[in-house]
Amino acid sequence: MRLQLPTVPPISADELVAKARRANPELVAGWLRRRVKSGAARAGFMVSRIDEEGRRYVSVTHNEEVALPPGAEAELRQDNPRLADLQATYDALDLPSAVHTQWRQGFLKKNLSLAWFRGDNAYVWQFRQLGHAARIRMYLAMLDVMERDALGLFDQLTEDGLFGAFTFEFGERPPVSRDLLDSINEINYLDDRMGLASIQGLRVLDIGAGYGRLAHRMSAALPGLAAYDCIDAVATSTFLCEYYTRFRGLPDTVRVVPLHEHEKLAERYDVAVNIHSFSEASHDAVCWWLDRIAERDVPWLLIVPNTPDELRSTELDGSMRPFRQDVLDRGYELVDDRPIHQSDELRELIDLHDRFYLFRKRA
């Protein structure tokens, strides 16, 4: 004899919702979380709540452990009259360099906290560049840069963590930051390849100078620096560079030249540097800048792009155009091309693949 089980009518969606409302909300929420996690796990994904440490790796953040200097918050604001004036002036310029493909206002609003401009943001990716295990990766990067610090800059340059910079301390060593390591690495590289520190009356042109990171470091490392001109096509960068070079008390030999006054740039420089900005500009803008360099017969040109495989621009449609040949067409030859970190194993571990491209003007 076959046992006949009672038929259970199917439950409707409305009834399911009603039952859920009557149930303990915390139990229902827990059940839903478990269902989502188990379903994701079967698909090969792990779902977990992101903590404060994890947020640093995916969003604009800054270090608040070091307070802003007095008056900084009042001056570093979007409605500052100087910033508004620069923005209006730059917007009215009929120059290829003033037409932005990446550094537009929407990009800046999402990727920059003005008063904390040395945090993890559009200017310097720190946690987002290094990813998880940032402390370990920063330590490895530091050891690599220290190994090639022929100028002894670790003993000369310091990091105070101001304006939101994330700092790392290892043992008895002074704090380091991405700003500090990049600067020491770049200065030592230029000294090794072109004798930067030994040039009498050294004159530097920094195109895409940002907030003035390298101007600050180079003026401190090379007291005999005769001239360092900062220029940037982004009004916010010019505004911050004016503030930062003034705040750091840099000598009068360091100038911030607004884009609309580009004709006031000096007639002669020993080296022009472009760190991470040509690759964030259009091909037309890059070529415009290259013309400004070529017409001054600048003997050395250092470019560090964001693209690891080639020199490429960023166009409005998201495409990227190579511009190495445009540099060569203006009378330059590539004399050195190498990763900013020399060890293949290290680059894989810290996932930093930027390269130095050093050009020299042909005689």
Protein backbone atom coordinates (compact mmCIF):
# COMPACT_ATOMS: atom_id res chain seq x y z
CA MET A 1 0.00 0.00 0.00
CA ARG A 2 1.41 3.37 -1.07
CA LEU A 3 1.35 6.16 1.49
CA GLN A 4 -0.34 9.25 0.07
CA LEU A 5 1.29 12.49 1.35
CA PRO A 6 -0.80 15.63 1.58
CA THR A 7 -0.26 18.08 -1.23
CA VAL A 8 1.44 21.34 -0.17
CA PRO A 9 0.16 24.25 -2.22
CA PRO A 10 2.87 26.46 -3.72
CA ILE A 11 3.53 29.67 -1.84
CA SER A 12 3.01 32.90 -3.70
CA ALA A 13 5.44 35.81 -3.76
CA ASP A 14 3.02 37.93 -1.71
CA GLU A 15 2.76 35.24 0.95
CA LEU A 16 6.57 34.90 1.05
CA VAL A 17 6.91 38.63 1.60
CA ALA A 18 4.28 38.54 4.33
CA LYS A 19 6.06 35.68 6.09
CA ALA A 20 9.36 37.56 5.85
CA ARG A 21 7.78 40.66 7.41
CA ARG A 22 6.48 38.63 10.34
CA ALA A 23 9.83 36.93 10.83
CA ASN A 24 12.77 38.28 12.77
CA PRO A 25 14.37 40.85 10.41
CA GLU A 26 17.88 39.98 11.58
CA LEU A 27 17.32 36.27 10.89
CA VAL A 28 15.94 37.03 7.43
CA ALA A 29 18.88 39.34 6.64
CA GLY A 30 21.32 36.68 7.83
CA TRP A 31 19.64 34.05 5.66
CA LEU A 32 19.81 36.33 2.63
CA ARG A 33 23.51 37.05 3.22
CA ARG A 34 24.28 33.35 3.48
CA ARG A 35 22.35 32.63 0.29
CA VAL A 36 24.20 35.36 -1.60
CA LYS A 37 27.59 34.24 -0.32
CA SER A 38 27.00 30.58 -1.09
CA GLY A 39 25.71 31.41 -4.57
CA ALA A 40 28.72 33.63 -5.25
CA ALA A 41 31.11 30.97 -3.92
CA ARG A 42 29.66 28.38 -6.31
CA ALA A 43 30.37 30.87 -9.11
CA GLY A 44 33.96 31.34 -7.95
CA PHE A 45 33.61 34.65 -6.06
CA MET A 46 34.06 35.54 -2.40
CA VAL A 47 31.79 38.18 -0.89
CA SER A 48 32.90 40.00 2.26
CA ARG A 49 32.26 43.36 3.92
CA ILE A 50 34.90 45.96 3.10
CA ASP A 51 36.53 47.58 6.13
CA GLU A 52 38.16 50.98 6.52
CA GLU A 53 41.53 49.61 5.47
CA GLY A 54 39.97 48.08 2.37
CA ARG A 55 38.29 51.33 1.38
CA ARG A 56 41.72 52.87 0.85
CA TYR A 57 42.34 50.55 -2.08
CA VAL A 58 39.26 51.50 -4.07
CA SER A 59 38.47 55.15 -3.37
CA VAL A 60 39.90 58.62 -2.89
CA THR A 61 41.31 58.75 0.65
CA HIS A 62 43.81 60.70 2.69
CA ASN A 63 45.72 60.42 5.94
CA GLU A 64 44.27 62.65 8.66
CA GLU A 65 46.86 61.74 11.29
CA VAL A 66 48.75 64.94 10.47
CA ALA A 67 46.48 67.97 10.78
CA LEU A 68 46.25 70.58 8.06
CA PRO A 69 48.47 73.64 8.62
CA PRO A 70 46.75 76.77 9.96
CA GLY A 71 44.79 78.54 7.23
CA ALA A 72 45.10 75.69 4.72
CA GLU A 73 41.45 74.62 4.83
CA ALA A 74 40.29 78.23 4.41
CA GLU A 75 42.51 78.75 1.37
CA LEU A 76 42.30 75.35 -0.29
CA ARG A 77 38.65 75.47 -1.30
CA GLN A 78 36.84 75.34 -4.61
CA ASP A 79 35.45 78.88 -4.33
CA ASN A 80 38.87 80.47 -3.79
CA PRO A 81 38.92 83.58 -6.05
CA ARG A 82 42.39 82.76 -7.38
CA LEU A 83 41.30 79.28 -8.45
CA ALA A 84 38.11 80.65 -10.03
CA ASP A 85 40.13 83.23 -11.95
CA LEU A 86 42.64 80.64 -13.20
CA GLN A 87 39.83 78.30 -14.24
CA ALA A 88 38.01 80.99 -16.21
CA THR A 89 41.23 82.09 -17.89
CA TYR A 90 42.26 78.54 -18.84
CA ASP A 91 38.78 77.75 -20.14
CA ALA A 92 39.00 80.74 -22.50
CA LEU A 93 42.37 79.73 -23.98
CA ASP A 94 42.51 78.63 -27.60
CA LEU A 95 45.38 76.18 -27.07
CA PRO A 96 45.53 72.42 -27.69
CA SER A 97 47.01 71.96 -24.22
CA ALA A 98 43.95 73.60 -22.63
CA VAL A 99 41.57 70.96 -24.07
CA HIS A 100 41.50 68.12 -21.56
CA THR A 101 40.73 64.50 -22.30
CA GLN A 102 41.18 63.17 -18.76
CA TRP A 103 41.68 66.07 -16.34
CA ARG A 104 38.22 67.52 -16.80
CA GLN A 105 36.13 68.98 -13.98
CA GLY A 106 34.11 65.79 -13.53
CA PHE A 107 37.32 63.77 -13.14
CA LEU A 108 38.69 66.21 -10.56
CA LYS A 109 35.49 66.24 -8.52
CA LYS A 110 35.62 62.45 -8.24
CA ASN A 111 39.36 62.10 -7.73
CA LEU A 112 40.57 65.03 -5.63
CA SER A 113 39.97 66.42 -2.16
CA LEU A 114 41.47 69.89 -2.58
CA ALA A 115 42.77 70.48 0.95
CA TRP A 116 44.20 66.94 1.13
CA PHE A 117 45.90 67.07 -2.28
CA ARG A 118 48.80 64.83 -1.22
CA GLY A 119 46.49 61.94 -0.28
CA ASP A 120 45.58 59.02 -2.50
CA ASN A 121 43.99 60.87 -5.40
CA ALA A 122 44.40 62.01 -9.00
CA TYR A 123 47.94 63.30 -8.37
CA VAL A 124 49.48 60.33 -6.59
CA TRP A 125 47.91 56.91 -6.37
CA GLN A 126 49.21 55.27 -3.22
CA PHE A 127 46.99 52.52 -1.88
CA ARG A 128 45.12 52.13 -5.17
CA GLN A 129 48.42 51.72 -7.03
CA LEU A 130 49.93 49.31 -4.52
CA GLY A 131 46.75 47.37 -3.73
CA HIS A 132 46.53 45.11 -0.71
CA ALA A 133 49.70 44.56 1.34
CA ALA A 134 50.63 48.18 0.59
CA ARG A 135 53.03 48.33 3.53
CA ILE A 136 55.04 45.34 2.32
CA ARG A 137 55.11 46.63 -1.25
CA MET A 138 56.21 50.09 -0.11
CA TYR A 139 59.01 48.49 1.91
CA LEU A 140 60.27 46.56 -1.11
CA ALA A 141 60.09 49.67 -3.30
CA MET A 142 62.00 51.64 -0.66
CA LEU A 143 64.81 49.05 -0.52
CA ASP A 144 65.13 49.18 -4.30
CA VAL A 145 65.34 52.98 -4.40
CA MET A 146 67.80 53.05 -1.47
CA GLU A 147 70.10 50.68 -3.33
CA ARG A 148 70.48 53.24 -6.13
CA ASP A 149 70.57 56.39 -3.97
CA ALA A 150 74.06 57.50 -5.05
CA LEU A 151 73.28 61.10 -4.05
CA GLY A 152 72.35 60.12 -0.49
CA LEU A 153 68.94 61.75 -0.73
CA PHE A 154 67.42 59.57 1.98
CA ASP A 155 69.67 61.47 4.38
CA GLN A 156 68.65 64.87 2.97
CA LEU A 157 64.95 64.73 2.12
CA THR A 158 62.21 64.12 4.68
CA GLU A 159 58.49 63.35 4.72
CA ASP A 160 56.14 65.07 7.17
CA GLY A 161 52.84 63.60 5.95
CA LEU A 162 51.22 67.00 5.45
CA PHE A 163 48.15 67.50 3.24
CA GLY A 164 47.00 63.90 3.57
CA ALA A 165 50.08 61.99 2.40
CA PHE A 166 50.18 58.37 3.57
CA THR A 167 53.48 57.62 5.27
CA PHE A 168 55.17 54.35 6.20
CA GLU A 169 57.76 53.76 8.92
CA PHE A 170 60.13 50.80 8.94
CA GLY A 171 62.33 50.22 11.98
CA GLU A 172 64.37 53.26 12.94
CA ARG A 173 64.14 54.81 9.48
CA PRO A 174 62.37 58.15 8.97
CA PRO A 175 58.89 58.00 7.38
CA VAL A 176 58.64 57.51 3.62
CA SER A 177 55.83 58.15 1.14
CA ARG A 178 55.14 57.53 -2.53
CA ASP A 179 55.95 61.22 -3.14
CA LEU A 180 59.36 60.86 -1.49
CA LEU A 181 60.34 57.57 -3.14
CA ASP A 182 59.34 58.69 -6.64
CA SER A 183 61.25 61.95 -6.25
CA ILE A 184 64.44 60.33 -4.93
CA ASN A 185 64.29 57.74 -7.69
CA GLU A 186 63.80 60.34 -10.44
CA ILE A 187 66.55 62.67 -9.22
CA ASN A 188 69.05 59.82 -8.88
CA TYR A 189 68.12 58.49 -12.30
CA LEU A 190 68.72 61.85 -13.98
CA ASP A 191 72.00 62.27 -12.15
CA ASP A 192 73.14 58.81 -13.20
CA ARG A 193 72.22 59.27 -16.87
CA MET A 194 72.98 62.96 -17.52
CA GLY A 195 74.93 64.19 -14.48
CA LEU A 196 72.08 66.33 -13.13
CA ALA A 197 73.73 67.30 -9.83
CA SER A 198 76.99 68.33 -11.50
CA ILE A 199 75.48 70.79 -14.01
CA GLN A 200 76.46 74.33 -13.06
CA GLY A 201 73.51 76.72 -13.08
CA LEU A 202 71.03 73.88 -13.63
CA ARG A 203 67.73 74.96 -15.22
CA VAL A 204 64.71 72.63 -15.21
CA LEU A 205 61.36 72.85 -17.00
CA ASP A 206 58.62 70.77 -15.37
CA ILE A 207 55.65 70.31 -17.72
CA GLY A 208 52.57 68.95 -15.94
CA ALA A 209 54.12 69.86 -12.60
CA GLY A 210 50.97 69.02 -10.61
CA TYR A 211 51.11 70.36 -7.06
CA GLY A 212 54.90 70.89 -7.27
CA ARG A 213 56.13 67.58 -5.87
CA LEU A 214 59.37 67.36 -7.86
CA ALA A 215 60.07 71.11 -7.60
CA HIS A 216 59.96 70.80 -3.81
CA ARG A 217 62.24 67.77 -3.73
CA MET A 218 64.74 68.91 -6.35
CA SER A 219 65.19 72.37 -4.86
CA ALA A 220 65.94 70.73 -1.49
CA ALA A 221 68.28 68.12 -2.98
CA LEU A 222 70.19 70.47 -5.30
CA PRO A 223 70.88 73.78 -3.55
CA GLY A 224 72.78 75.05 -6.62
CA LEU A 225 69.63 74.88 -8.76
CA ALA A 226 69.53 78.09 -10.81
CA ALA A 227 65.97 77.85 -12.12
CA TYR A 228 63.01 75.48 -11.87
CA ASP A 229 59.88 76.44 -13.82
CA CYS A 230 56.58 74.65 -13.14
CA ILE A 231 53.79 74.81 -15.70
CA ASP A 232 50.56 72.85 -16.00
CA ALA A 233 47.52 72.99 -18.27
CA VAL A 234 45.13 72.22 -15.40
CA ALA A 235 44.01 75.29 -13.47
CA THR A 236 43.66 73.35 -10.22
CA SER A 237 47.25 72.15 -10.53
CA THR A 238 48.56 75.69 -11.06
CA PHE A 239 46.57 76.87 -8.04
CA LEU A 240 47.90 74.07 -5.82
CA CYS A 241 51.45 74.49 -7.12
CA GLU A 242 51.38 78.20 -6.28
CA TYR A 243 50.18 77.38 -2.78
CA TYR A 244 52.54 74.45 -2.17
CA THR A 245 55.74 76.10 -3.40
CA ARG A 246 54.87 79.14 -1.26
CA PHE A 247 54.02 76.99 1.76
CA ARG A 248 57.30 75.05 1.49
CA GLY A 249 59.22 78.31 1.29
CA LEU A 250 60.94 77.40 -1.96
CA PRO A 251 63.49 79.92 -3.24
CA ASP A 252 62.73 82.52 -5.89
CA THR A 253 64.52 80.32 -8.41
CA VAL A 254 61.38 78.14 -8.42
CA ARG A 255 58.61 79.73 -10.49
CA VAL A 256 55.03 78.69 -11.18
CA VAL A 257 54.14 79.87 -14.69
CA PRO A 258 50.40 79.93 -15.51
CA LEU A 259 49.48 78.38 -18.84
CA HIS A 260 48.27 81.67 -20.34
CA GLU A 261 51.72 83.12 -19.61
CA HIS A 262 53.64 80.26 -21.24
CA GLU A 263 55.58 82.75 -23.38
CA LYS A 264 57.30 83.87 -20.15
CA LEU A 265 59.08 80.53 -19.92
CA ALA A 266 62.85 80.89 -20.14
CA GLU A 267 64.65 80.62 -23.45
CA ARG A 268 67.04 77.97 -22.16
CA TYR A 269 66.75 74.87 -19.97
CA ASP A 270 69.09 71.94 -19.37
CA VAL A 271 66.34 69.37 -18.99
CA ALA A 272 62.56 69.16 -19.38
CA VAL A 273 60.62 66.60 -17.35
CA ASN A 274 57.13 65.23 -17.77
CA ILE A 275 55.97 62.79 -15.13
CA HIS A 276 52.63 61.04 -15.75
CA SER A 277 50.93 63.87 -17.64
CA PHE A 278 51.57 63.44 -21.39
CA SER A 279 49.86 60.05 -21.19
CA GLU A 280 46.81 61.76 -19.65
CA ALA A 281 46.54 64.39 -22.40
CA SER A 282 45.53 64.37 -26.07
CA HIS A 283 47.97 63.81 -28.92
CA ASP A 284 47.44 67.41 -30.04
CA ALA A 285 48.28 68.68 -26.55
CA VAL A 286 51.41 66.53 -26.34
CA CYS A 287 52.62 67.80 -29.71
CA TRP A 288 51.98 71.39 -28.63
CA TRP A 289 54.16 70.89 -25.56
CA LEU A 290 56.84 69.14 -27.60
CA ASP A 291 56.99 72.19 -29.87
CA ARG A 292 57.58 74.41 -26.82
CA ILE A 293 60.46 72.14 -25.80
CA ALA A 294 61.97 71.85 -29.27
CA GLU A 295 61.91 75.58 -29.98
CA ARG A 296 64.08 76.09 -26.89
CA ASP A 297 66.55 73.37 -27.92
CA VAL A 298 66.29 71.74 -24.50
CA PRO A 299 69.10 69.16 -24.62
CA TRP A 300 67.48 66.54 -22.36
CA LEU A 301 63.87 65.35 -22.04
CA LEU A 302 62.60 62.84 -19.48
CA ILE A 303 59.13 61.34 -19.94
CA VAL A 304 57.57 58.92 -17.46
CA PRO A 305 54.19 57.76 -18.81
CA ASN A 306 51.37 55.88 -17.11
CA THR A 307 51.43 53.34 -19.93
CA PRO A 308 54.01 50.58 -19.33
CA ASP A 309 54.56 49.47 -22.93
CA GLU A 310 54.82 52.65 -25.00
CA LEU A 311 54.41 56.43 -25.02
CA ARG A 312 50.70 56.97 -25.63
CA SER A 313 48.24 59.85 -25.30
CA THR A 314 44.62 59.71 -24.11
CA GLU A 315 41.98 60.90 -26.57
CA LEU A 316 38.43 62.07 -25.91
CA ASP A 317 36.97 58.82 -27.24
CA GLY A 318 39.13 56.80 -24.85
CA SER A 319 41.59 55.66 -27.50
CA MET A 320 45.35 56.06 -27.08
CA ARG A 321 47.76 57.31 -29.75
CA PRO A 322 51.52 56.66 -29.72
CA PHE A 323 53.70 59.76 -29.71
CA ARG A 324 57.29 58.47 -29.52
CA GLN A 325 57.80 59.31 -33.18
CA ASP A 326 56.57 62.85 -32.53
CA VAL A 327 59.42 63.28 -30.05
CA LEU A 328 61.94 61.90 -32.56
CA ASP A 329 60.58 64.13 -35.31
CA ARG A 330 61.55 67.18 -33.25
CA GLY A 331 65.22 66.29 -33.31
CA TYR A 332 65.48 63.97 -30.30
CA GLU A 333 66.87 60.48 -29.95
CA LEU A 334 65.98 57.93 -27.29
CA VAL A 335 69.14 57.27 -25.27
CA ASP A 336 67.66 55.26 -22.39
CA ASP A 337 64.49 53.29 -21.75
CA ARG A 338 64.17 51.27 -18.56
CA PRO A 339 61.70 50.44 -15.76
CA ILE A 340 61.73 52.78 -12.77
CA HIS A 341 62.38 49.68 -10.65
CA GLN A 342 65.18 47.52 -12.06
CA SER A 343 64.33 44.05 -10.73
CA ASP A 344 61.88 41.93 -12.74
CA GLU A 345 60.90 40.03 -9.59
CA LEU A 346 60.34 43.25 -7.63
CA ARG A 347 58.10 44.78 -10.29
CA GLU A 348 55.95 41.67 -10.25
CA LEU A 349 55.68 41.75 -6.46
CA ILE A 350 54.81 45.45 -6.13
CA ASP A 351 52.94 45.69 -9.45
CA LEU A 352 54.58 48.96 -10.52
CA HIS A 353 55.62 48.93 -14.17
CA ASP A 354 56.33 52.58 -15.01
CA ARG A 355 59.33 53.32 -17.24
CA PHE A 356 61.86 56.08 -17.73
CA TYR A 357 62.18 57.35 -21.31
CA LEU A 358 65.18 59.67 -21.63
CA PHE A 359 65.70 61.60 -24.87
CA ARG A 360 68.59 63.78 -25.98
CA LYS A 361 68.59 66.47 -28.65
CA ARG A 362 70.66 65.43 -31.64
CA ALA A 363 73.64 67.65 -32.36
